[in-house]
Amino acid sequence: MYGVMATNTPVRYQERIRMSKNDNVVWQLGTVSPVERHRNLNQAPMTLWFTGLSGSGKSTLAFNLERLLMRRGIFCAVLDGDNIRHGLCKDLGFDAESRAENIRRVSEVARLMNDAGLTVLAAFISPHSSDRALAKEIIGDDRFSEVYVSSPLHICESRDPKGLYKKARQGELANFTGIDAPYEPPPYPSVCLDTSSLSIEACLEILLSEVERNRGSSK
C-alpha cells in the first residue's frame, strides 16, 4: 500500500523514508536482509572514509589496503574520487554545491555496498565538514569510520602527482582545495595519518587495526 512502512523496515532506513520528498515513493522490502548477507560473507561491513588534500595519499592507502584486506578474505572495494567522476559524477563540477552532490551520491553507493556485505574504502578530498557529516548520516554512524590523511600543504604540493597544484597556482584550475578553496580538517577523526612522517606500511598497520576493531565491535 502507498504510504505504508512495514514494521520490519530496518531502523537505519525509517528516518530516510519519513524524510522522503515524494509520498508516492515507498521503500520496497526484499526477502533477504543485510544481516543475512553479512553472515553469508562472514564479515561486518564498514566504510572507511579517507579525507585530505590532493596528494596526501588517500588513494594510495585505499588501494593498498584493498589488496591487504582481500588477502585476508575481507571482501572490499575502493570508491575513488577521480574514478567516480568518469561515470556516476561526470556531470558535476567543483563548486561547493557540486561537491556536496558528489559526496551525497557516493555515500548512497557506499551504503548500498555495505548493505551487500562489502567493506568500502572511499577516497575523497571531501573538504567540507558538512558533506562528511552527511556521508556519515547516509552510511550510518555504526558503519562509518573517518580517516584523516593529514599532510602539510607544502608536502602535498611537492608531490603533485597529477600536476594539479601547478595548474592551480598558475590560475588554470579554479576552486582547487588548498589553493583557492578551503579544506576543513575533521576535529575528531577515527584515524589520523600524517603521511609526511609515517610510511605506507605504518599507515596500513593502523588501518588494519581499525578494520579489526570494527569487526570485533560488531560481533
N, C-alpha and C. Protein backbone atom coordinates (compact mmCIF):
# COMPACT_ATOMS: atom_id res chain seq x y z
N MET A 1 0.84 -1.20 0.00
CA MET A 1 0.00 0.00 0.00
C MET A 1 0.87 1.24 0.00
N TYR A 2 0.40 2.30 -0.69
CA TYR A 2 1.14 3.55 -0.72
C TYR A 2 1.12 4.19 0.66
N GLY A 3 2.29 4.75 1.00
CA GLY A 3 2.39 5.49 2.25
C GLY A 3 2.51 4.62 3.48
N VAL A 4 2.62 3.31 3.32
CA VAL A 4 2.72 2.41 4.46
C VAL A 4 4.15 1.91 4.59
N MET A 5 4.68 1.97 5.81
CA MET A 5 6.03 1.48 6.06
C MET A 5 5.94 0.23 6.91
N ALA A 6 6.47 -0.85 6.42
CA ALA A 6 6.40 -2.11 7.16
C ALA A 6 7.14 -2.00 8.47
N THR A 7 6.65 -2.68 9.49
CA THR A 7 7.26 -2.58 10.81
C THR A 7 8.63 -3.22 10.87
N ASN A 8 8.95 -4.10 9.91
CA ASN A 8 10.26 -4.74 9.92
C ASN A 8 11.26 -4.01 9.03
N THR A 9 10.92 -2.79 8.62
CA THR A 9 11.88 -1.98 7.88
C THR A 9 13.07 -1.69 8.78
N PRO A 10 14.31 -1.90 8.31
CA PRO A 10 15.49 -1.63 9.13
C PRO A 10 15.45 -0.22 9.71
N VAL A 11 15.84 -0.12 10.98
CA VAL A 11 15.79 1.17 11.68
C VAL A 11 16.56 2.24 10.94
N ARG A 12 17.71 1.89 10.35
CA ARG A 12 18.55 2.90 9.71
C ARG A 12 17.85 3.56 8.53
N TYR A 13 16.80 2.92 7.98
CA TYR A 13 16.11 3.50 6.84
C TYR A 13 14.79 4.18 7.20
N GLN A 14 14.30 3.97 8.41
CA GLN A 14 13.00 4.51 8.78
C GLN A 14 12.96 6.03 8.68
N GLU A 15 13.99 6.69 9.21
CA GLU A 15 14.04 8.15 9.15
C GLU A 15 14.18 8.62 7.71
N ARG A 16 14.94 7.89 6.90
CA ARG A 16 15.11 8.26 5.49
C ARG A 16 13.77 8.20 4.76
N ILE A 17 12.94 7.22 5.11
CA ILE A 17 11.62 7.10 4.49
C ILE A 17 10.74 8.27 4.89
N ARG A 18 10.81 8.63 6.17
CA ARG A 18 9.99 9.75 6.64
C ARG A 18 10.39 11.06 5.98
N MET A 19 11.67 11.16 5.63
CA MET A 19 12.19 12.39 5.03
C MET A 19 11.98 12.43 3.52
N SER A 20 11.42 11.39 2.95
CA SER A 20 11.21 11.34 1.51
C SER A 20 10.35 12.51 1.06
N LYS A 21 10.74 13.13 -0.06
CA LYS A 21 10.02 14.28 -0.58
C LYS A 21 8.85 13.87 -1.47
N ASN A 22 8.69 12.59 -1.68
CA ASN A 22 7.62 12.10 -2.55
C ASN A 22 6.83 11.03 -1.81
N ASP A 23 5.58 11.34 -1.45
CA ASP A 23 4.75 10.41 -0.70
C ASP A 23 4.41 9.16 -1.50
N ASN A 24 4.58 9.21 -2.81
CA ASN A 24 4.25 8.07 -3.65
C ASN A 24 5.42 7.11 -3.86
N VAL A 25 6.56 7.44 -3.25
CA VAL A 25 7.73 6.56 -3.33
C VAL A 25 7.81 5.77 -2.04
N VAL A 26 7.70 4.47 -2.14
CA VAL A 26 7.63 3.61 -0.97
C VAL A 26 8.86 2.70 -0.92
N TRP A 27 9.41 2.52 0.28
CA TRP A 27 10.56 1.63 0.45
C TRP A 27 10.11 0.19 0.23
N GLN A 28 10.73 -0.49 -0.73
CA GLN A 28 10.37 -1.87 -1.05
C GLN A 28 11.27 -2.84 -0.27
N LEU A 29 10.65 -3.70 0.49
CA LEU A 29 11.39 -4.65 1.30
C LEU A 29 11.65 -5.94 0.53
N GLY A 30 12.90 -6.39 0.56
CA GLY A 30 13.24 -7.67 -0.04
C GLY A 30 13.07 -8.79 0.97
N THR A 31 13.34 -9.99 0.55
CA THR A 31 13.23 -11.13 1.46
C THR A 31 14.56 -11.49 2.11
N VAL A 32 15.63 -10.86 1.64
CA VAL A 32 16.96 -11.09 2.21
C VAL A 32 17.42 -9.82 2.90
N SER A 33 17.72 -9.91 4.17
CA SER A 33 18.13 -8.74 4.94
C SER A 33 19.63 -8.52 4.82
N PRO A 34 20.10 -7.27 5.07
CA PRO A 34 21.54 -7.02 5.08
C PRO A 34 22.28 -7.93 6.05
N VAL A 35 21.66 -8.21 7.20
CA VAL A 35 22.31 -9.06 8.20
C VAL A 35 22.58 -10.46 7.63
N GLU A 36 21.64 -10.98 6.87
CA GLU A 36 21.83 -12.30 6.25
C GLU A 36 23.00 -12.28 5.27
N ARG A 37 23.10 -11.21 4.50
CA ARG A 37 24.21 -11.10 3.56
C ARG A 37 25.54 -11.05 4.31
N HIS A 38 25.55 -10.29 5.38
CA HIS A 38 26.78 -10.15 6.16
C HIS A 38 27.21 -11.49 6.75
N ARG A 39 26.24 -12.24 7.23
CA ARG A 39 26.55 -13.55 7.81
C ARG A 39 27.07 -14.51 6.75
N ASN A 40 26.50 -14.46 5.56
CA ASN A 40 26.96 -15.34 4.48
C ASN A 40 28.40 -15.05 4.11
N LEU A 41 28.78 -13.77 4.17
CA LEU A 41 30.15 -13.39 3.84
C LEU A 41 31.07 -13.46 5.06
N ASN A 42 30.46 -13.66 6.23
CA ASN A 42 31.21 -13.75 7.48
C ASN A 42 32.07 -12.50 7.72
N GLN A 43 31.46 -11.36 7.55
CA GLN A 43 32.17 -10.12 7.82
C GLN A 43 31.20 -9.02 8.21
N ALA A 44 31.75 -8.03 8.91
CA ALA A 44 30.98 -6.87 9.33
C ALA A 44 31.37 -5.70 8.43
N PRO A 45 30.53 -5.35 7.47
CA PRO A 45 30.90 -4.29 6.53
C PRO A 45 31.01 -2.93 7.20
N MET A 46 31.87 -2.12 6.66
CA MET A 46 32.05 -0.75 7.15
C MET A 46 32.53 0.10 5.99
N THR A 47 32.51 1.40 6.19
CA THR A 47 33.08 2.33 5.21
C THR A 47 34.18 3.13 5.89
N LEU A 48 35.39 3.00 5.36
CA LEU A 48 36.49 3.87 5.79
C LEU A 48 36.50 5.05 4.83
N TRP A 49 36.27 6.23 5.38
CA TRP A 49 36.17 7.43 4.55
C TRP A 49 37.48 8.21 4.65
N PHE A 50 38.29 8.13 3.60
CA PHE A 50 39.58 8.81 3.57
C PHE A 50 39.36 10.25 3.10
N THR A 51 39.76 11.21 3.90
CA THR A 51 39.64 12.62 3.54
C THR A 51 40.98 13.31 3.73
N GLY A 52 41.26 14.29 2.88
CA GLY A 52 42.53 15.01 2.97
C GLY A 52 42.81 15.72 1.67
N LEU A 53 43.85 16.52 1.67
CA LEU A 53 44.22 17.28 0.48
C LEU A 53 44.64 16.38 -0.68
N SER A 54 44.57 16.91 -1.88
CA SER A 54 45.09 16.20 -3.04
C SER A 54 46.58 15.96 -2.83
N GLY A 55 47.03 14.74 -3.06
CA GLY A 55 48.44 14.43 -2.87
C GLY A 55 48.80 13.98 -1.48
N SER A 56 47.81 13.90 -0.59
CA SER A 56 48.10 13.49 0.79
C SER A 56 48.31 11.98 0.89
N GLY A 57 47.75 11.22 -0.05
CA GLY A 57 47.96 9.78 -0.05
C GLY A 57 46.69 8.96 0.14
N LYS A 58 45.54 9.57 -0.02
CA LYS A 58 44.26 8.87 0.19
C LYS A 58 44.11 7.65 -0.72
N SER A 59 44.24 7.86 -2.01
CA SER A 59 44.04 6.77 -2.97
C SER A 59 45.12 5.70 -2.82
N THR A 60 46.35 6.13 -2.60
CA THR A 60 47.45 5.17 -2.41
C THR A 60 47.16 4.24 -1.25
N LEU A 61 46.72 4.81 -0.14
CA LEU A 61 46.41 3.99 1.03
C LEU A 61 45.19 3.11 0.79
N ALA A 62 44.17 3.67 0.17
CA ALA A 62 42.94 2.91 -0.06
C ALA A 62 43.20 1.69 -0.95
N PHE A 63 43.93 1.87 -2.03
CA PHE A 63 44.17 0.75 -2.94
C PHE A 63 45.12 -0.29 -2.33
N ASN A 64 46.09 0.17 -1.56
CA ASN A 64 46.98 -0.78 -0.89
C ASN A 64 46.24 -1.54 0.20
N LEU A 65 45.35 -0.85 0.91
CA LEU A 65 44.57 -1.51 1.94
C LEU A 65 43.61 -2.53 1.32
N GLU A 66 43.05 -2.19 0.17
CA GLU A 66 42.16 -3.12 -0.53
C GLU A 66 42.88 -4.45 -0.79
N ARG A 67 44.11 -4.38 -1.26
CA ARG A 67 44.87 -5.59 -1.54
C ARG A 67 45.10 -6.40 -0.27
N LEU A 68 45.45 -5.73 0.83
CA LEU A 68 45.70 -6.43 2.09
C LEU A 68 44.43 -7.09 2.62
N LEU A 69 43.32 -6.38 2.54
CA LEU A 69 42.06 -6.93 3.05
C LEU A 69 41.61 -8.13 2.22
N MET A 70 41.78 -8.05 0.91
CA MET A 70 41.40 -9.17 0.06
C MET A 70 42.23 -10.41 0.38
N ARG A 71 43.51 -10.21 0.68
CA ARG A 71 44.36 -11.33 1.05
C ARG A 71 43.88 -11.98 2.34
N ARG A 72 43.23 -11.18 3.19
CA ARG A 72 42.73 -11.69 4.46
C ARG A 72 41.30 -12.21 4.36
N GLY A 73 40.79 -12.24 3.15
CA GLY A 73 39.45 -12.76 2.95
C GLY A 73 38.34 -11.78 3.27
N ILE A 74 38.67 -10.50 3.33
CA ILE A 74 37.66 -9.47 3.59
C ILE A 74 37.28 -8.84 2.25
N PHE A 75 36.05 -9.05 1.84
CA PHE A 75 35.58 -8.53 0.55
C PHE A 75 35.40 -7.02 0.65
N CYS A 76 36.02 -6.30 -0.27
CA CYS A 76 36.01 -4.85 -0.19
C CYS A 76 36.13 -4.24 -1.58
N ALA A 77 35.93 -2.93 -1.64
CA ALA A 77 36.06 -2.21 -2.91
C ALA A 77 36.40 -0.76 -2.62
N VAL A 78 37.14 -0.15 -3.54
CA VAL A 78 37.53 1.25 -3.41
C VAL A 78 36.60 2.13 -4.24
N LEU A 79 36.13 3.20 -3.64
CA LEU A 79 35.45 4.27 -4.37
C LEU A 79 36.41 5.44 -4.40
N ASP A 80 36.94 5.74 -5.56
CA ASP A 80 37.99 6.76 -5.69
C ASP A 80 37.42 8.04 -6.30
N GLY A 81 37.84 9.17 -5.75
CA GLY A 81 37.32 10.46 -6.18
C GLY A 81 37.48 10.74 -7.66
N ASP A 82 38.63 10.41 -8.23
CA ASP A 82 38.85 10.63 -9.66
C ASP A 82 38.02 9.66 -10.50
N ASN A 83 38.04 8.40 -10.12
CA ASN A 83 37.33 7.38 -10.91
C ASN A 83 35.83 7.64 -10.97
N ILE A 84 35.27 8.07 -9.86
CA ILE A 84 33.82 8.32 -9.79
C ILE A 84 33.41 9.41 -10.78
N ARG A 85 34.29 10.37 -11.01
CA ARG A 85 33.95 11.48 -11.90
C ARG A 85 34.06 11.11 -13.38
N HIS A 86 34.44 9.89 -13.66
CA HIS A 86 34.42 9.41 -15.05
C HIS A 86 33.07 8.81 -15.41
N GLY A 87 32.22 8.60 -14.41
CA GLY A 87 30.94 7.96 -14.68
C GLY A 87 29.81 8.56 -13.87
N LEU A 88 29.62 8.06 -12.67
CA LEU A 88 28.50 8.45 -11.82
C LEU A 88 28.39 9.96 -11.63
N CYS A 89 29.52 10.63 -11.49
CA CYS A 89 29.50 12.06 -11.19
C CYS A 89 30.18 12.91 -12.27
N LYS A 90 30.21 12.41 -13.51
CA LYS A 90 30.90 13.15 -14.57
C LYS A 90 30.18 14.43 -14.95
N ASP A 91 28.93 14.58 -14.51
CA ASP A 91 28.17 15.79 -14.83
C ASP A 91 28.38 16.90 -13.80
N LEU A 92 29.17 16.64 -12.77
CA LEU A 92 29.35 17.61 -11.69
C LEU A 92 30.63 18.41 -11.82
N GLY A 93 30.59 19.64 -11.32
CA GLY A 93 31.77 20.49 -11.31
C GLY A 93 32.45 20.44 -9.95
N PHE A 94 33.15 21.53 -9.59
CA PHE A 94 33.89 21.55 -8.34
C PHE A 94 33.50 22.73 -7.44
N ASP A 95 32.38 23.35 -7.73
CA ASP A 95 31.85 24.37 -6.83
C ASP A 95 31.28 23.66 -5.61
N ALA A 96 30.95 24.42 -4.57
CA ALA A 96 30.50 23.83 -3.31
C ALA A 96 29.26 22.96 -3.49
N GLU A 97 28.32 23.42 -4.28
CA GLU A 97 27.08 22.65 -4.49
C GLU A 97 27.36 21.33 -5.20
N SER A 98 28.22 21.37 -6.21
CA SER A 98 28.56 20.15 -6.95
C SER A 98 29.34 19.17 -6.08
N ARG A 99 30.24 19.70 -5.27
CA ARG A 99 31.00 18.84 -4.36
C ARG A 99 30.06 18.13 -3.39
N ALA A 100 29.08 18.87 -2.88
CA ALA A 100 28.13 18.28 -1.94
C ALA A 100 27.33 17.16 -2.60
N GLU A 101 26.90 17.38 -3.83
CA GLU A 101 26.13 16.36 -4.55
C GLU A 101 27.01 15.16 -4.86
N ASN A 102 28.27 15.40 -5.18
CA ASN A 102 29.23 14.33 -5.43
C ASN A 102 29.31 13.40 -4.21
N ILE A 103 29.47 14.01 -3.04
CA ILE A 103 29.59 13.22 -1.81
C ILE A 103 28.28 12.52 -1.48
N ARG A 104 27.15 13.17 -1.73
CA ARG A 104 25.86 12.54 -1.45
C ARG A 104 25.69 11.27 -2.29
N ARG A 105 26.00 11.37 -3.58
CA ARG A 105 25.85 10.21 -4.47
C ARG A 105 26.77 9.07 -4.03
N VAL A 106 28.00 9.41 -3.76
CA VAL A 106 28.98 8.38 -3.37
C VAL A 106 28.57 7.72 -2.06
N SER A 107 28.04 8.51 -1.14
CA SER A 107 27.61 7.97 0.15
C SER A 107 26.48 6.97 -0.02
N GLU A 108 25.57 7.27 -0.94
CA GLU A 108 24.47 6.33 -1.21
C GLU A 108 25.02 5.02 -1.79
N VAL A 109 26.02 5.14 -2.65
CA VAL A 109 26.64 3.93 -3.23
C VAL A 109 27.33 3.13 -2.13
N ALA A 110 28.06 3.82 -1.26
CA ALA A 110 28.75 3.14 -0.16
C ALA A 110 27.76 2.42 0.74
N ARG A 111 26.64 3.06 1.01
CA ARG A 111 25.61 2.43 1.84
C ARG A 111 25.09 1.15 1.20
N LEU A 112 24.81 1.21 -0.10
CA LEU A 112 24.32 0.03 -0.81
C LEU A 112 25.36 -1.10 -0.78
N MET A 113 26.62 -0.72 -0.96
CA MET A 113 27.69 -1.73 -0.95
C MET A 113 27.84 -2.33 0.44
N ASN A 114 27.71 -1.51 1.48
CA ASN A 114 27.73 -2.03 2.85
C ASN A 114 26.57 -2.99 3.08
N ASP A 115 25.39 -2.61 2.59
CA ASP A 115 24.23 -3.49 2.73
C ASP A 115 24.48 -4.84 2.07
N ALA A 116 25.21 -4.82 0.96
CA ALA A 116 25.52 -6.06 0.23
C ALA A 116 26.59 -6.88 0.94
N GLY A 117 27.21 -6.30 1.97
CA GLY A 117 28.20 -7.03 2.74
C GLY A 117 29.63 -6.64 2.50
N LEU A 118 29.86 -5.67 1.62
CA LEU A 118 31.22 -5.25 1.29
C LEU A 118 31.73 -4.17 2.23
N THR A 119 33.02 -4.21 2.48
CA THR A 119 33.70 -3.11 3.15
C THR A 119 34.09 -2.11 2.07
N VAL A 120 33.83 -0.83 2.32
CA VAL A 120 34.08 0.21 1.32
C VAL A 120 35.22 1.10 1.78
N LEU A 121 36.12 1.38 0.86
CA LEU A 121 37.23 2.31 1.10
C LEU A 121 37.00 3.50 0.19
N ALA A 122 36.48 4.58 0.75
CA ALA A 122 36.10 5.76 -0.02
C ALA A 122 37.18 6.83 0.11
N ALA A 123 37.79 7.18 -1.01
CA ALA A 123 38.89 8.15 -1.00
C ALA A 123 38.47 9.42 -1.72
N PHE A 124 38.10 10.44 -0.95
CA PHE A 124 37.61 11.70 -1.50
C PHE A 124 38.17 12.87 -0.69
N ILE A 125 38.58 13.92 -1.40
CA ILE A 125 39.05 15.11 -0.69
C ILE A 125 37.99 15.53 0.31
N SER A 126 36.73 15.57 -0.11
CA SER A 126 35.59 15.94 0.74
C SER A 126 35.97 17.04 1.73
N PRO A 127 36.25 18.25 1.22
CA PRO A 127 36.82 19.31 2.04
C PRO A 127 35.90 19.92 3.08
N HIS A 128 34.58 19.76 2.91
CA HIS A 128 33.65 20.42 3.82
C HIS A 128 33.14 19.46 4.90
N SER A 129 33.21 19.90 6.14
CA SER A 129 32.77 19.06 7.25
C SER A 129 31.29 18.70 7.14
N SER A 130 30.49 19.62 6.59
CA SER A 130 29.06 19.35 6.45
C SER A 130 28.81 18.20 5.48
N ASP A 131 29.61 18.10 4.43
CA ASP A 131 29.47 17.00 3.47
C ASP A 131 29.86 15.67 4.09
N ARG A 132 30.91 15.69 4.89
CA ARG A 132 31.33 14.45 5.56
C ARG A 132 30.30 14.02 6.60
N ALA A 133 29.68 15.00 7.25
CA ALA A 133 28.62 14.69 8.22
C ALA A 133 27.43 14.04 7.52
N LEU A 134 27.12 14.53 6.32
CA LEU A 134 26.03 13.93 5.54
C LEU A 134 26.39 12.50 5.15
N ALA A 135 27.64 12.29 4.75
CA ALA A 135 28.08 10.95 4.38
C ALA A 135 27.91 9.99 5.56
N LYS A 136 28.27 10.45 6.72
CA LYS A 136 28.13 9.63 7.93
C LYS A 136 26.67 9.32 8.22
N GLU A 137 25.81 10.30 8.01
CA GLU A 137 24.38 10.11 8.25
C GLU A 137 23.79 9.09 7.27
N ILE A 138 24.17 9.20 6.01
CA ILE A 138 23.65 8.29 4.98
C ILE A 138 24.15 6.86 5.19
N ILE A 139 25.44 6.74 5.43
CA ILE A 139 26.05 5.41 5.57
C ILE A 139 25.67 4.77 6.89
N GLY A 140 25.57 5.57 7.93
CA GLY A 140 25.24 5.07 9.26
C GLY A 140 26.41 5.20 10.20
N ASP A 141 26.15 5.75 11.37
CA ASP A 141 27.20 6.01 12.34
C ASP A 141 27.97 4.74 12.71
N ASP A 142 27.26 3.61 12.77
CA ASP A 142 27.89 2.36 13.18
C ASP A 142 28.76 1.74 12.10
N ARG A 143 28.67 2.26 10.89
CA ARG A 143 29.47 1.72 9.78
C ARG A 143 30.53 2.69 9.29
N PHE A 144 30.52 3.90 9.77
CA PHE A 144 31.34 4.97 9.20
C PHE A 144 32.58 5.22 10.06
N SER A 145 33.73 5.18 9.43
CA SER A 145 35.00 5.47 10.11
C SER A 145 35.76 6.52 9.30
N GLU A 146 35.93 7.68 9.88
CA GLU A 146 36.58 8.79 9.18
C GLU A 146 38.10 8.70 9.33
N VAL A 147 38.79 8.67 8.20
CA VAL A 147 40.25 8.58 8.20
C VAL A 147 40.81 9.88 7.63
N TYR A 148 41.42 10.66 8.48
CA TYR A 148 42.01 11.93 8.05
C TYR A 148 43.45 11.68 7.61
N VAL A 149 43.68 11.79 6.32
CA VAL A 149 45.03 11.62 5.77
C VAL A 149 45.67 13.00 5.78
N SER A 150 46.43 13.24 6.81
CA SER A 150 46.98 14.57 7.07
C SER A 150 48.40 14.70 6.53
N SER A 151 48.61 15.74 5.77
CA SER A 151 49.95 16.05 5.27
C SER A 151 49.98 17.54 4.97
N PRO A 152 51.03 18.25 5.39
CA PRO A 152 51.08 19.70 5.16
C PRO A 152 50.93 20.04 3.68
N LEU A 153 50.35 21.19 3.42
CA LEU A 153 50.11 21.62 2.04
C LEU A 153 51.39 21.60 1.21
N HIS A 154 52.50 22.08 1.80
CA HIS A 154 53.72 22.16 1.00
C HIS A 154 54.25 20.77 0.63
N ILE A 155 53.96 19.78 1.47
CA ILE A 155 54.36 18.41 1.14
C ILE A 155 53.50 17.87 0.01
N CYS A 156 52.19 18.08 0.13
CA CYS A 156 51.27 17.63 -0.93
C CYS A 156 51.61 18.30 -2.25
N GLU A 157 51.94 19.58 -2.16
CA GLU A 157 52.25 20.34 -3.38
C GLU A 157 53.57 19.87 -4.00
N SER A 158 54.50 19.46 -3.16
CA SER A 158 55.79 18.98 -3.69
C SER A 158 55.63 17.63 -4.38
N ARG A 159 54.65 16.85 -3.92
CA ARG A 159 54.38 15.57 -4.57
C ARG A 159 53.68 15.80 -5.90
N ASP A 160 52.57 16.51 -5.85
CA ASP A 160 51.77 16.92 -7.02
C ASP A 160 51.81 15.90 -8.15
N PRO A 161 51.36 14.65 -7.91
CA PRO A 161 51.48 13.60 -8.92
C PRO A 161 50.71 13.88 -10.21
N LYS A 162 49.68 14.71 -10.12
CA LYS A 162 48.87 15.00 -11.32
C LYS A 162 49.14 16.38 -11.90
N GLY A 163 50.05 17.13 -11.26
CA GLY A 163 50.34 18.47 -11.75
C GLY A 163 49.22 19.47 -11.50
N LEU A 164 48.33 19.14 -10.57
CA LEU A 164 47.16 19.99 -10.34
C LEU A 164 47.50 21.25 -9.55
N TYR A 165 48.40 21.12 -8.58
CA TYR A 165 48.78 22.30 -7.80
C TYR A 165 49.43 23.35 -8.69
N LYS A 166 50.27 22.88 -9.61
CA LYS A 166 50.93 23.80 -10.54
C LYS A 166 49.90 24.55 -11.37
N LYS A 167 48.90 23.83 -11.87
CA LYS A 167 47.85 24.46 -12.66
C LYS A 167 47.06 25.46 -11.82
N ALA A 168 46.79 25.08 -10.57
CA ALA A 168 46.03 25.97 -9.69
C ALA A 168 46.82 27.24 -9.38
N ARG A 169 48.12 27.09 -9.15
CA ARG A 169 48.97 28.25 -8.86
C ARG A 169 49.06 29.18 -10.06
N GLN A 170 48.96 28.62 -11.25
CA GLN A 170 49.04 29.41 -12.48
C GLN A 170 47.68 29.96 -12.91
N GLY A 171 46.66 29.68 -12.11
CA GLY A 171 45.34 30.19 -12.42
C GLY A 171 44.59 29.40 -13.48
N GLU A 172 45.09 28.22 -13.79
CA GLU A 172 44.46 27.39 -14.83
C GLU A 172 43.39 26.45 -14.27
N LEU A 173 43.31 26.37 -12.94
CA LEU A 173 42.39 25.45 -12.30
C LEU A 173 41.73 26.16 -11.12
N ALA A 174 40.44 26.41 -11.24
CA ALA A 174 39.72 27.15 -10.20
C ALA A 174 39.13 26.21 -9.16
N ASN A 175 38.84 26.77 -7.99
CA ASN A 175 38.22 26.02 -6.89
C ASN A 175 39.04 24.80 -6.48
N PHE A 176 40.36 24.97 -6.45
CA PHE A 176 41.21 23.85 -6.09
C PHE A 176 41.48 23.89 -4.59
N THR A 177 41.14 22.81 -3.92
CA THR A 177 41.25 22.74 -2.46
C THR A 177 42.69 22.94 -2.00
N GLY A 178 42.85 23.86 -1.05
CA GLY A 178 44.16 24.15 -0.51
C GLY A 178 44.79 25.38 -1.13
N ILE A 179 44.33 25.77 -2.32
CA ILE A 179 44.87 26.94 -3.01
C ILE A 179 43.85 28.07 -3.00
N ASP A 180 42.74 27.89 -3.69
CA ASP A 180 41.72 28.94 -3.68
C ASP A 180 40.36 28.42 -3.21
N ALA A 181 40.37 27.26 -2.59
CA ALA A 181 39.17 26.70 -1.96
C ALA A 181 39.60 26.08 -0.63
N PRO A 182 38.81 26.24 0.42
CA PRO A 182 39.22 25.80 1.75
C PRO A 182 39.10 24.30 1.98
N TYR A 183 39.88 23.82 2.94
CA TYR A 183 39.73 22.45 3.43
C TYR A 183 39.49 22.53 4.93
N GLU A 184 38.44 21.87 5.40
CA GLU A 184 38.09 21.88 6.82
C GLU A 184 38.50 20.54 7.44
N PRO A 185 39.61 20.52 8.19
CA PRO A 185 40.08 19.26 8.78
C PRO A 185 39.06 18.72 9.78
N PRO A 186 38.88 17.42 9.84
CA PRO A 186 37.98 16.84 10.84
C PRO A 186 38.58 16.98 12.24
N PRO A 187 37.82 17.50 13.21
CA PRO A 187 38.37 17.69 14.55
C PRO A 187 38.58 16.39 15.31
N TYR A 188 37.72 15.40 15.06
CA TYR A 188 37.80 14.14 15.80
C TYR A 188 37.67 12.94 14.86
N PRO A 189 38.65 12.74 13.99
CA PRO A 189 38.57 11.58 13.08
C PRO A 189 38.78 10.28 13.84
N SER A 190 38.29 9.20 13.27
CA SER A 190 38.52 7.88 13.88
C SER A 190 40.00 7.52 13.81
N VAL A 191 40.62 7.92 12.69
CA VAL A 191 42.05 7.65 12.47
C VAL A 191 42.67 8.89 11.85
N CYS A 192 43.85 9.26 12.31
CA CYS A 192 44.60 10.38 11.71
C CYS A 192 45.97 9.87 11.30
N LEU A 193 46.28 10.02 10.02
CA LEU A 193 47.55 9.52 9.48
C LEU A 193 48.33 10.66 8.87
N ASP A 194 49.48 10.98 9.44
CA ASP A 194 50.35 12.01 8.88
C ASP A 194 51.32 11.35 7.92
N THR A 195 51.00 11.42 6.64
CA THR A 195 51.81 10.71 5.65
C THR A 195 53.13 11.42 5.35
N SER A 196 53.35 12.56 5.98
CA SER A 196 54.65 13.22 5.82
C SER A 196 55.68 12.60 6.75
N SER A 197 55.21 11.85 7.75
CA SER A 197 56.14 11.23 8.69
C SER A 197 55.95 9.71 8.80
N LEU A 198 54.77 9.21 8.46
CA LEU A 198 54.51 7.77 8.53
C LEU A 198 54.71 7.11 7.17
N SER A 199 55.30 5.94 7.18
CA SER A 199 55.46 5.18 5.93
C SER A 199 54.12 4.57 5.52
N ILE A 200 54.02 4.14 4.28
CA ILE A 200 52.80 3.48 3.82
C ILE A 200 52.54 2.24 4.67
N GLU A 201 53.59 1.49 4.97
CA GLU A 201 53.44 0.27 5.75
C GLU A 201 52.89 0.57 7.15
N ALA A 202 53.39 1.63 7.76
CA ALA A 202 52.92 2.01 9.10
C ALA A 202 51.46 2.43 9.06
N CYS A 203 51.10 3.18 8.04
CA CYS A 203 49.71 3.62 7.88
C CYS A 203 48.78 2.42 7.70
N LEU A 204 49.22 1.46 6.90
CA LEU A 204 48.40 0.29 6.64
C LEU A 204 48.18 -0.54 7.90
N GLU A 205 49.18 -0.62 8.75
CA GLU A 205 49.03 -1.35 10.01
C GLU A 205 47.97 -0.69 10.88
N ILE A 206 47.97 0.63 10.91
CA ILE A 206 46.98 1.37 11.70
C ILE A 206 45.58 1.15 11.12
N LEU A 207 45.49 1.17 9.80
CA LEU A 207 44.19 0.97 9.15
C LEU A 207 43.67 -0.45 9.36
N LEU A 208 44.55 -1.42 9.30
CA LEU A 208 44.15 -2.80 9.57
C LEU A 208 43.60 -2.95 10.98
N SER A 209 44.21 -2.25 11.91
CA SER A 209 43.74 -2.28 13.30
C SER A 209 42.34 -1.69 13.42
N GLU A 210 42.08 -0.63 12.64
CA GLU A 210 40.76 -0.01 12.65
C GLU A 210 39.71 -0.96 12.08
N VAL A 211 40.05 -1.67 11.03
CA VAL A 211 39.12 -2.65 10.45
C VAL A 211 38.85 -3.77 11.45
N GLU A 212 39.89 -4.26 12.09
CA GLU A 212 39.73 -5.34 13.07
C GLU A 212 38.93 -4.86 14.27
N ARG A 213 39.12 -3.63 14.67
CA ARG A 213 38.34 -3.07 15.79
C ARG A 213 36.86 -3.08 15.46
N ASN A 214 36.54 -2.70 14.23
CA ASN A 214 35.14 -2.69 13.81
C ASN A 214 34.57 -4.11 13.76
N ARG A 215 35.36 -5.04 13.28
CA ARG A 215 34.90 -6.43 13.22
C ARG A 215 34.63 -6.97 14.62
N GLY A 216 35.48 -6.58 15.56
CA GLY A 216 35.30 -7.04 16.94
C GLY A 216 34.08 -6.45 17.61
N SER A 217 33.84 -5.15 17.35
CA SER A 217 32.71 -4.48 17.98
C SER A 217 31.38 -4.90 17.39
N SER A 218 31.43 -5.53 16.20
CA SER A 218 30.19 -5.93 15.52
C SER A 218 29.78 -7.35 15.88
N LYS A 219 30.62 -8.07 16.60
CA LYS A 219 30.30 -9.46 16.94
C LYS A 219 29.30 -9.52 18.10
